C-alpha atoms as a PDB file:
ATOM      1  CA  MET A   1       0.000   0.000   0.000  1.00  0.00           C
ATOM      2  CA  LYS A   2       2.856   2.351   0.889  1.00  0.00           C
ATOM      3  CA  LYS A   3       4.529   1.649  -2.501  1.00  0.00           C
ATOM      4  CA  ILE A   4       1.306   2.545  -4.326  1.00  0.00           C
ATOM      5  CA  ALA A   5       1.053   5.857  -2.462  1.00  0.00           C
ATOM      6  CA  ILE A   6       4.658   6.739  -3.264  1.00  0.00           C
ATOM      7  CA  ALA A   7       4.140   5.870  -6.911  1.00  0.00           C
ATOM      8  CA  ALA A   8       1.054   8.067  -7.049  1.00  0.00           C
ATOM      9  CA  LEU A   9       3.003  10.994  -5.633  1.00  0.00           C
ATOM     10  CA  LEU A  10       5.581  10.646  -8.388  1.00  0.00           C
ATOM     11  CA  PHE A  11       2.946  11.373 -11.020  1.00  0.00           C
ATOM     12  CA  LEU A  12       1.579  14.496  -9.301  1.00  0.00           C
ATOM     13  CA  PRO A  13       2.425  17.817 -11.038  1.00  0.00           C
ATOM     14  CA  PRO A  14       5.340  19.610  -9.393  1.00  0.00           C
ATOM     15  CA  PHE A  15       4.623  22.533  -7.037  1.00  0.00           C
ATOM     16  CA  THR A  16       5.165  25.875  -8.701  1.00  0.00           C
ATOM     17  CA  TYR A  17       5.971  29.205  -7.131  1.00  0.00           C
ATOM     18  CA  ALA A  18       5.200  32.624  -8.572  1.00  0.00           C
ATOM     19  CA  GLY A  19       8.268  34.433  -9.811  1.00  0.00           C
ATOM     20  CA  ALA A  20       9.009  38.015  -8.809  1.00  0.00           C
ATOM     21  CA  ASP A  21       7.528  39.304 -12.073  1.00  0.00           C
ATOM     22  CA  GLU A  22       4.222  37.468 -11.369  1.00  0.00           C
ATOM     23  CA  THR A  23       3.497  39.064  -7.964  1.00  0.00           C
ATOM     24  CA  THR A  24       1.248  42.060  -7.433  1.00  0.00           C
ATOM     25  CA  PRO A  25       1.216  44.526  -4.523  1.00  0.00           C
ATOM     26  CA  TYR A  26      -1.539  44.058  -1.950  1.00  0.00           C
ATOM     27  CA  ALA A  27      -4.021  46.913  -1.680  1.00  0.00           C
ATOM     28  CA  MET A  28      -6.257  47.386   1.338  1.00  0.00           C
ATOM     29  CA  PRO A  29      -9.867  46.740   0.238  1.00  0.00           C
ATOM     30  CA  ARG A  30     -12.170  49.749  -0.171  1.00  0.00           C
ATOM     31  CA  THR A  31      -9.266  52.151   0.257  1.00  0.00           C
ATOM     32  CA  GLN A  32      -8.367  55.117  -1.936  1.00  0.00           C
ATOM     33  CA  VAL A  33      -5.128  57.096  -2.040  1.00  0.00           C
ATOM     34  CA  VAL A  34      -5.812  60.802  -2.533  1.00  0.00           C
ATOM     35  CA  PRO A  35      -2.980  63.321  -3.114  1.00  0.00           C
ATOM     36  CA  ILE A  36      -3.428  66.570  -1.237  1.00  0.00           C
ATOM     37  CA  ALA A  37      -1.363  69.741  -0.919  1.00  0.00           C
ATOM     38  CA  ALA A  38      -0.821  71.678   2.271  1.00  0.00           C
ATOM     39  CA  GLY A  39      -2.434  75.028   1.511  1.00  0.00           C
ATOM     40  CA  ASN A  40      -0.424  77.171  -0.891  1.00  0.00           C
ATOM     41  CA  SER A  41       2.835  75.495   0.047  1.00  0.00           C
ATOM     42  CA  GLN A  42       4.744  73.040  -2.099  1.00  0.00           C
ATOM     43  CA  LYS A  43       4.312  70.265   0.479  1.00  0.00           C
ATOM     44  CA  GLN A  44       2.455  67.254  -0.892  1.00  0.00           C
ATOM     45  CA  TYR A  45       0.793  64.582   1.257  1.00  0.00           C
ATOM     46  CA  GLU A  46      -1.502  61.624   0.690  1.00  0.00           C
ATOM     47  CA  LEU A  47      -4.752  60.633   2.367  1.00  0.00           C
ATOM     48  CA  TYR A  48      -5.464  56.919   2.713  1.00  0.00           C
ATOM     49  CA  ILE A  49      -9.262  56.749   2.887  1.00  0.00           C
ATOM     50  CA  LYS A  50     -11.009  53.491   3.736  1.00  0.00           C
ATOM     51  CA  LEU A  51     -14.796  53.301   3.384  1.00  0.00           C
ATOM     52  CA  PRO A  52     -17.129  50.911   5.237  1.00  0.00           C
ATOM     53  CA  GLU A  53     -18.187  47.749   3.435  1.00  0.00           C
ATOM     54  CA  ASN A  54     -21.792  48.907   3.063  1.00  0.00           C
ATOM     55  CA  TYR A  55     -20.941  52.491   2.054  1.00  0.00           C
ATOM     56  CA  GLY A  56     -22.047  52.049  -1.559  1.00  0.00           C
ATOM     57  CA  GLU A  57     -25.317  50.366  -0.579  1.00  0.00           C
ATOM     58  CA  THR A  58     -26.553  52.987   1.899  1.00  0.00           C
ATOM     59  CA  ARG A  59     -26.966  56.196  -0.067  1.00  0.00           C
ATOM     60  CA  ASP A  60     -28.335  58.270   2.803  1.00  0.00           C
ATOM     61  CA  LYS A  61     -26.353  56.931   5.752  1.00  0.00           C
ATOM     62  CA  GLN A  62     -23.681  59.142   7.324  1.00  0.00           C
ATOM     63  CA  TYR A  63     -20.604  57.725   9.021  1.00  0.00           C
ATOM     64  CA  PRO A  64     -18.260  58.763  11.831  1.00  0.00           C
ATOM     65  CA  VAL A  65     -14.656  59.365  10.775  1.00  0.00           C
ATOM     66  CA  ILE A  66     -11.368  58.457  12.451  1.00  0.00           C
ATOM     67  CA  TYR A  67      -8.377  60.509  11.337  1.00  0.00           C
ATOM     68  CA  THR A  68      -4.891  59.276  12.133  1.00  0.00           C
ATOM     69  CA  THR A  69      -1.392  60.616  11.606  1.00  0.00           C
ATOM     70  CA  ASP A  70       1.583  58.331  10.822  1.00  0.00           C
ATOM     71  CA  ALA A  71      -0.747  56.616   8.359  1.00  0.00           C
ATOM     72  CA  VAL A  72       1.784  54.116   6.980  1.00  0.00           C
ATOM     73  CA  TRP A  73       2.287  52.734  10.478  1.00  0.00           C
ATOM     74  CA  HIS A  74      -1.322  52.923  11.657  1.00  0.00           C
ATOM     75  CA  MET A  75      -3.726  52.095   8.843  1.00  0.00           C
ATOM     76  CA  ASP A  76      -3.290  48.308   8.845  1.00  0.00           C
ATOM     77  CA  LEU A  77      -3.851  47.958  12.580  1.00  0.00           C
ATOM     78  CA  LEU A  78      -6.620  50.549  12.646  1.00  0.00           C
ATOM     79  CA  SER A  79      -8.357  48.832   9.738  1.00  0.00           C
ATOM     80  CA  GLY A  80      -8.251  45.421  11.398  1.00  0.00           C
ATOM     81  CA  THR A  81      -9.396  46.766  14.753  1.00  0.00           C
ATOM     82  CA  THR A  82     -12.356  48.699  13.362  1.00  0.00           C
ATOM     83  CA  GLU A  83     -13.479  45.781  11.166  1.00  0.00           C
ATOM     84  CA  TYR A  84     -14.308  43.904  14.383  1.00  0.00           C
ATOM     85  CA  LEU A  85     -15.173  46.693  16.830  1.00  0.00           C
ATOM     86  CA  MET A  86     -16.484  49.584  14.715  1.00  0.00           C
ATOM     87  CA  PRO A  87     -17.124  48.525  11.112  1.00  0.00           C
ATOM     88  CA  ASP A  88     -19.368  51.454  10.148  1.00  0.00           C
ATOM     89  CA  VAL A  89     -16.633  54.087  10.139  1.00  0.00           C
ATOM     90  CA  ILE A  90     -14.576  55.974   7.566  1.00  0.00           C
ATOM     91  CA  LEU A  91     -10.825  55.878   8.172  1.00  0.00           C
ATOM     92  CA  VAL A  92      -8.557  58.714   7.026  1.00  0.00           C
ATOM     93  CA  GLY A  93      -4.812  58.208   7.296  1.00  0.00           C
ATOM     94  CA  ILE A  94      -2.684  61.330   6.811  1.00  0.00           C
ATOM     95  CA  SER A  95       0.700  60.497   5.304  1.00  0.00           C
ATOM     96  CA  TRP A  96       4.077  62.064   5.878  1.00  0.00           C
ATOM     97  CA  GLN A  97       5.219  64.598   3.290  1.00  0.00           C
ATOM     98  CA  GLN A  98       5.718  62.878  -0.066  1.00  0.00           C
ATOM     99  CA  ASN A  99       7.708  65.326  -2.210  1.00  0.00           C
ATOM    100  CA  THR A 100      10.827  65.500  -0.097  1.00  0.00           C
ATOM    101  CA  ALA A 101      14.465  64.623  -0.575  1.00  0.00           C
ATOM    102  CA  ASP A 102      14.669  63.133   2.929  1.00  0.00           C
ATOM    103  CA  THR A 103      16.181  59.662   2.966  1.00  0.00           C
ATOM    104  CA  VAL A 104      13.978  58.686   5.935  1.00  0.00           C
ATOM    105  CA  ALA A 105      10.318  58.370   4.891  1.00  0.00           C
ATOM    106  CA  HIS A 106       8.951  59.616   8.210  1.00  0.00           C
ATOM    107  CA  GLN A 107      11.310  62.599   8.566  1.00  0.00           C
ATOM    108  CA  SER A 108       8.532  65.164   8.206  1.00  0.00           C
ATOM    109  CA  ARG A 109       6.749  63.951  11.357  1.00  0.00           C
ATOM    110  CA  PHE A 110       9.471  65.564  13.484  1.00  0.00           C
ATOM    111  CA  ARG A 111       8.617  68.888  11.877  1.00  0.00           C
ATOM    112  CA  ASP A 112       4.849  68.511  11.646  1.00  0.00           C
ATOM    113  CA  TYR A 113       4.013  67.076  15.081  1.00  0.00           C
ATOM    114  CA  THR A 114       6.263  69.251  17.275  1.00  0.00           C
ATOM    115  CA  LEU A 115       5.680  72.612  18.928  1.00  0.00           C
ATOM    116  CA  TYR A 116       9.058  74.349  19.176  1.00  0.00           C
ATOM    117  CA  PRO A 117      12.454  74.415  17.450  1.00  0.00           C
ATOM    118  CA  SER A 118      15.400  72.449  18.784  1.00  0.00           C
ATOM    119  CA  SER A 119      18.159  74.354  20.561  1.00  0.00           C
ATOM    120  CA  ASP A 120      20.667  72.184  18.691  1.00  0.00           C
ATOM    121  CA  PRO A 121      21.336  73.959  15.343  1.00  0.00           C
ATOM    122  CA  GLU A 122      22.372  70.745  13.578  1.00  0.00           C
ATOM    123  CA  ARG A 123      19.263  68.852  14.668  1.00  0.00           C
ATOM    124  CA  GLN A 124      17.059  71.815  13.834  1.00  0.00           C
ATOM    125  CA  ALA A 125      18.540  72.110  10.348  1.00  0.00           C
ATOM    126  CA  LYS A 126      17.911  68.416   9.754  1.00  0.00           C
ATOM    127  CA  ASN A 127      14.409  68.034  11.236  1.00  0.00           C
ATOM    128  CA  LYS A 128      12.970  71.578  11.183  1.00  0.00           C
ATOM    129  CA  TYR A 129      11.167  71.001  14.475  1.00  0.00           C
ATOM    130  CA  GLY A 130       8.322  73.173  15.675  1.00  0.00           C
ATOM    131  CA  GLN A 131       5.792  73.457  12.844  1.00  0.00           C
ATOM    132  CA  GLY A 132       2.854  71.797  14.584  1.00  0.00           C
ATOM    133  CA  GLU A 133       0.762  74.954  14.214  1.00  0.00           C
ATOM    134  CA  THR A 134       1.244  74.848  10.423  1.00  0.00           C
ATOM    135  CA  HIS A 135       0.311  71.166  10.264  1.00  0.00           C
ATOM    136  CA  LEU A 136      -2.793  71.801  12.347  1.00  0.00           C
ATOM    137  CA  ALA A 137      -3.839  74.483   9.841  1.00  0.00           C
ATOM    138  CA  PHE A 138      -3.338  71.963   7.007  1.00  0.00           C
ATOM    139  CA  ILE A 139      -5.622  69.455   8.732  1.00  0.00           C
ATOM    140  CA  ARG A 140      -8.294  72.071   9.450  1.00  0.00           C
ATOM    141  CA  GLN A 141      -8.187  73.935   6.154  1.00  0.00           C
ATOM    142  CA  ASN A 142      -7.404  71.162   3.673  1.00  0.00           C
ATOM    143  CA  VAL A 143      -7.842  67.625   5.020  1.00  0.00           C
ATOM    144  CA  ILE A 144     -11.148  67.870   6.899  1.00  0.00           C
ATOM    145  CA  PRO A 145     -12.921  70.067   4.288  1.00  0.00           C
ATOM    146  CA  TYR A 146     -11.905  67.607   1.541  1.00  0.00           C
ATOM    147  CA  VAL A 147     -13.157  64.576   3.471  1.00  0.00           C
ATOM    148  CA  GLU A 148     -16.415  66.174   4.558  1.00  0.00           C
ATOM    149  CA  GLY A 149     -17.035  67.624   1.108  1.00  0.00           C
ATOM    150  CA  THR A 150     -16.487  64.280  -0.617  1.00  0.00           C
ATOM    151  CA  TYR A 151     -17.885  61.589   1.689  1.00  0.00           C
ATOM    152  CA  ARG A 152     -21.026  61.140   3.789  1.00  0.00           C
ATOM    153  CA  THR A 153     -19.682  62.017   7.207  1.00  0.00           C
ATOM    154  CA  ALA A 154     -21.705  62.225  10.424  1.00  0.00           C
ATOM    155  CA  GLU A 155     -21.836  65.650  12.012  1.00  0.00           C
ATOM    156  CA  GLY A 156     -20.129  65.837  15.410  1.00  0.00           C
ATOM    157  CA  GLN A 157     -18.395  62.475  15.002  1.00  0.00           C
ATOM    158  CA  ARG A 158     -14.812  63.350  14.048  1.00  0.00           C
ATOM    159  CA  ALA A 159     -12.189  61.395  15.982  1.00  0.00           C
ATOM    160  CA  TYR A 160      -8.398  61.718  16.041  1.00  0.00           C
ATOM    161  CA  LEU A 161      -6.015  58.886  16.882  1.00  0.00           C
ATOM    162  CA  GLY A 162      -2.365  59.722  17.456  1.00  0.00           C
ATOM    163  CA  TYR A 163       0.367  57.621  19.006  1.00  0.00           C
ATOM    164  CA  SER A 164       3.703  58.718  20.464  1.00  0.00           C
ATOM    165  CA  LEU A 165       4.642  62.015  18.785  1.00  0.00           C
ATOM    166  CA  GLY A 166       1.222  61.919  17.105  1.00  0.00           C
ATOM    167  CA  GLY A 167      -0.339  61.648  20.571  1.00  0.00           C
ATOM    168  CA  ALA A 168       1.554  64.731  21.738  1.00  0.00           C
ATOM    169  CA  PHE A 169       0.381  66.581  18.616  1.00  0.00           C
ATOM    170  CA  GLY A 170      -3.180  65.538  19.427  1.00  0.00           C
ATOM    171  CA  ALA A 171      -2.889  66.971  22.946  1.00  0.00           C
ATOM    172  CA  TYR A 172      -1.780  70.274  21.407  1.00  0.00           C
ATOM    173  CA  MET A 173      -4.711  70.275  18.942  1.00  0.00           C
ATOM    174  CA  LEU A 174      -7.149  69.574  21.761  1.00  0.00           C
ATOM    175  CA  PHE A 175      -6.380  72.908  23.398  1.00  0.00           C
ATOM    176  CA  ALA A 176      -5.164  75.022  20.466  1.00  0.00           C
ATOM    177  CA  ALA A 177      -8.215  74.275  18.283  1.00  0.00           C
ATOM    178  CA  PRO A 178     -10.552  72.002  20.271  1.00  0.00           C
ATOM    179  CA  ASP A 179     -13.318  71.958  17.668  1.00  0.00           C
ATOM    180  CA  THR A 180     -11.023  70.232  15.166  1.00  0.00           C
ATOM    181  CA  PHE A 181     -12.221  66.873  16.524  1.00  0.00           C
ATOM    182  CA  ASN A 182     -14.935  65.675  18.885  1.00  0.00           C
ATOM    183  CA  HIS A 183     -12.989  62.688  20.216  1.00  0.00           C
ATOM    184  CA  TYR A 184      -9.239  62.516  20.894  1.00  0.00           C
ATOM    185  CA  ILE A 185      -7.232  59.301  21.337  1.00  0.00           C
ATOM    186  CA  LEU A 186      -3.774  60.129  22.704  1.00  0.00           C
ATOM    187  CA  GLY A 187      -1.698  56.954  22.873  1.00  0.00           C
ATOM    188  CA  SER A 188       1.575  57.145  24.838  1.00  0.00           C
ATOM    189  CA  PRO A 189       2.044  60.851  24.004  1.00  0.00           C
ATOM    190  CA  ALA A 190       5.745  61.671  23.512  1.00  0.00           C
ATOM    191  CA  LEU A 191       5.757  64.856  25.562  1.00  0.00           C
ATOM    192  CA  GLY A 192       8.767  66.612  26.998  1.00  0.00           C
ATOM    193  CA  GLN A 193       8.529  69.176  29.773  1.00  0.00           C
ATOM    194  CA  ARG A 194       8.674  72.065  27.322  1.00  0.00           C
ATOM    195  CA  SER A 195       5.853  70.675  25.155  1.00  0.00           C
ATOM    196  CA  LEU A 196       3.794  70.049  28.266  1.00  0.00           C
ATOM    197  CA  LYS A 197       4.407  73.616  29.433  1.00  0.00           C
ATOM    198  CA  ILE A 198       3.210  75.000  26.081  1.00  0.00           C
ATOM    199  CA  ILE A 199       0.052  72.867  26.234  1.00  0.00           C
ATOM    200  CA  ASP A 200      -0.570  73.881  29.846  1.00  0.00           C
ATOM    201  CA  GLU A 201      -0.213  77.570  28.931  1.00  0.00           C
ATOM    202  CA  ILE A 202      -2.707  77.198  26.080  1.00  0.00           C
ATOM    203  CA  ALA A 203      -5.091  75.374  28.426  1.00  0.00           C
ATOM    204  CA  THR A 204      -4.777  78.124  31.047  1.00  0.00           C
ATOM    205  CA  GLN A 205      -5.570  80.715  28.396  1.00  0.00           C
ATOM    206  CA  LYS A 206      -8.695  78.788  27.397  1.00  0.00           C
ATOM    207  CA  VAL A 207      -9.808  78.775  31.030  1.00  0.00           C
ATOM    208  CA  SER A 208      -9.282  82.536  31.312  1.00  0.00           C
ATOM    209  CA  GLU A 209     -11.309  83.026  28.137  1.00  0.00           C
ATOM    210  CA  LYS A 210     -14.005  80.684  29.501  1.00  0.00           C
ATOM    211  CA  ALA A 211     -13.763  78.809  26.223  1.00  0.00           C
ATOM    212  CA  LYS A 212     -15.846  75.651  25.880  1.00  0.00           C
ATOM    213  CA  ILE A 213     -13.795  72.690  24.674  1.00  0.00           C
ATOM    214  CA  ASP A 214     -16.441  69.915  24.585  1.00  0.00           C
ATOM    215  CA  ALA A 215     -14.379  66.826  23.738  1.00  0.00           C
ATOM    216  CA  ASN A 216     -14.073  63.188  24.794  1.00  0.00           C
ATOM    217  CA  VAL A 217     -10.477  62.174  25.506  1.00  0.00           C
ATOM    218  CA  PHE A 218      -8.748  58.795  25.824  1.00  0.00           C
ATOM    219  CA  VAL A 219      -5.162  58.755  27.148  1.00  0.00           C
ATOM    220  CA  SER A 220      -2.969  55.677  27.538  1.00  0.00           C
ATOM    221  CA  ILE A 221       0.577  54.786  28.570  1.00  0.00           C
ATOM    222  CA  GLY A 222       2.498  51.519  28.750  1.00  0.00           C
ATOM    223  CA  GLU A 223       3.223  50.277  32.257  1.00  0.00           C
ATOM    224  CA  LEU A 224       6.880  49.620  31.366  1.00  0.00           C
ATOM    225  CA  GLU A 225       7.607  52.886  29.561  1.00  0.00           C
ATOM    226  CA  GLU A 226      10.391  55.224  30.655  1.00  0.00           C
ATOM    227  CA  ALA A 227       9.767  56.927  33.999  1.00  0.00           C
ATOM    228  CA  ASP A 228       9.922  60.391  32.395  1.00  0.00           C
ATOM    229  CA  SER A 229       7.275  59.407  29.829  1.00  0.00           C
ATOM    230  CA  ILE A 230       4.939  58.085  32.513  1.00  0.00           C
ATOM    231  CA  SER A 231       5.472  61.223  34.594  1.00  0.00           C
ATOM    232  CA  THR A 232       4.730  63.675  31.753  1.00  0.00           C
ATOM    233  CA  THR A 233       1.675  61.679  30.692  1.00  0.00           C
ATOM    234  CA  LYS A 234       0.330  61.849  34.234  1.00  0.00           C
ATOM    235  CA  GLU A 235       0.976  65.600  34.205  1.00  0.00           C
ATOM    236  CA  LEU A 236      -0.981  65.852  30.951  1.00  0.00           C
ATOM    237  CA  VAL A 237      -3.867  64.016  32.598  1.00  0.00           C
ATOM    238  CA  SER A 238      -3.731  66.562  35.439  1.00  0.00           C
ATOM    239  CA  VAL A 239      -3.983  69.391  32.891  1.00  0.00           C
ATOM    240  CA  LEU A 240      -6.958  67.662  31.284  1.00  0.00           C
ATOM    241  CA  ASN A 241      -8.658  67.121  34.636  1.00  0.00           C
ATOM    242  CA  ARG A 242      -8.218  70.783  35.541  1.00  0.00           C
ATOM    243  CA  ASN A 243     -10.173  71.614  32.417  1.00  0.00           C
ATOM    244  CA  GLY A 244     -13.051  69.255  33.079  1.00  0.00           C
ATOM    245  CA  ASN A 245     -15.392  72.171  33.680  1.00  0.00           C
ATOM    246  CA  ASN A 246     -14.620  73.364  30.145  1.00  0.00           C
ATOM    247  CA  GLY A 247     -16.246  70.273  28.707  1.00  0.00           C
ATOM    248  CA  ILE A 248     -13.376  67.755  28.573  1.00  0.00           C
ATOM    249  CA  ARG A 249     -14.622  64.261  29.382  1.00  0.00           C
ATOM    250  CA  LEU A 250     -11.600  62.117  30.178  1.00  0.00           C
ATOM    251  CA  THR A 251     -11.421  58.344  30.510  1.00  0.00           C
ATOM    252  CA  GLY A 252      -8.715  58.655  33.141  1.00  0.00           C
ATOM    253  CA  LEU A 253      -5.280  57.271  32.375  1.00  0.00           C
ATOM    254  CA  GLU A 254      -5.421  53.857  30.720  1.00  0.00           C
ATOM    255  CA  ILE A 255      -2.397  51.800  31.834  1.00  0.00           C
ATOM    256  CA  ILE A 256      -1.405  49.113  29.336  1.00  0.00           C
ATOM    257  CA  LYS A 257      -0.077  46.372  31.586  1.00  0.00           C
ATOM    258  CA  ALA A 258       3.286  44.676  30.972  1.00  0.00           C
ATOM    259  CA  SER A 259       3.920  46.877  27.915  1.00  0.00           C
ATOM    260  CA  ASN A 260       6.558  49.356  26.823  1.00  0.00           C
ATOM    261  CA  HIS A 261       6.251  52.137  24.248  1.00  0.00           C
ATOM    262  CA  GLY A 262       6.235  49.689  21.343  1.00  0.00           C
ATOM    263  CA  THR A 263       4.301  46.747  22.730  1.00  0.00           C
ATOM    264  CA  ALA A 264       1.505  48.974  24.092  1.00  0.00           C
ATOM    265  CA  VAL A 265       0.354  49.825  20.563  1.00  0.00           C
ATOM    266  CA  PRO A 266      -2.057  46.933  19.784  1.00  0.00           C
ATOM    267  CA  GLU A 267      -3.927  47.104  23.088  1.00  0.00           C
ATOM    268  CA  THR A 268      -4.065  50.905  22.891  1.00  0.00           C
ATOM    269  CA  PHE A 269      -5.822  50.619  19.539  1.00  0.00           C
ATOM    270  CA  THR A 270      -8.187  47.901  20.774  1.00  0.00           C
ATOM    271  CA  ARG A 271      -9.176  49.690  23.983  1.00  0.00           C
ATOM    272  CA  SER A 272      -9.557  53.089  22.376  1.00  0.00           C
ATOM    273  CA  ILE A 273     -11.645  51.886  19.421  1.00  0.00           C
ATOM    274  CA  LYS A 274     -13.908  49.935  21.795  1.00  0.00           C
ATOM    275  CA  TRP A 275     -14.303  53.151  23.842  1.00  0.00           C
ATOM    276  CA  LEU A 276     -14.975  55.196  20.691  1.00  0.00           C
ATOM    277  CA  SER A 277     -17.499  52.682  19.371  1.00  0.00           C
ATOM    278  CA  GLU A 278     -19.469  52.868  22.606  1.00  0.00           C
ATOM    279  CA  LEU A 279     -19.477  56.680  22.430  1.00  0.00           C
ATOM    280  CA  THR A 280     -20.665  56.887  18.839  1.00  0.00           C
ATOM    281  CA  ASN A 281     -23.390  54.267  19.379  1.00  0.00           C
ATOM    282  CA  LYS A 282     -25.052  56.164  22.247  1.00  0.00           C
END
């Protein structure tokens, strides 16, 4: 019997493998890549826009939107998480600058997500830190109007998800222009003392102006992150709590157990999207 089986195997067609010229790149389903310029500048970006599965079948339905920075890093995980926890949502990933001579693809994030220049001339010349205000204007004046003018978006259901430096940028947006988003997810925000001081000063000004912020905020940090990172994140939470009367509704500080800055990412996405789904379904 064993000899018959071996003989049969000899007559099977050989396994074949696709050559390099036969492969095709994988594209995320229902996702479009839209080029977009930052105002009148020469800076070019891309939006990665993923629509819900039933978007084309529901002509009158409007959908909440999640915007995220660092799109190349975030879109895959955000897509998978929302498919299970919040499928009826539009995702908008904002890329790094495209038309740049930088050898590092994500170089522009150091410029776009930061609040002040570096005191080191060499580092400043390389990274051009401190243009967060300009990037915020790009999101408000170009990105959001394009998305809301093109797709069926639900009023009052704009969410922002930022991690690390993107989380710090989100904390700045929350106080500098709170109506940019209705919900803010700030994962392991990479805040230094100077950034925190700037955010605190903006928050204090809002209090003096009796400005209404009206935003839901999720903040997380990995249990095993650097002590300085944990400390500044807790200070940020204190700033947020002091502004509770202005309309900030904070989850508290979500501690991602047994996780450092890198390994906290998946659970941060899962917890925050579950939180966001519950908010938008109320």
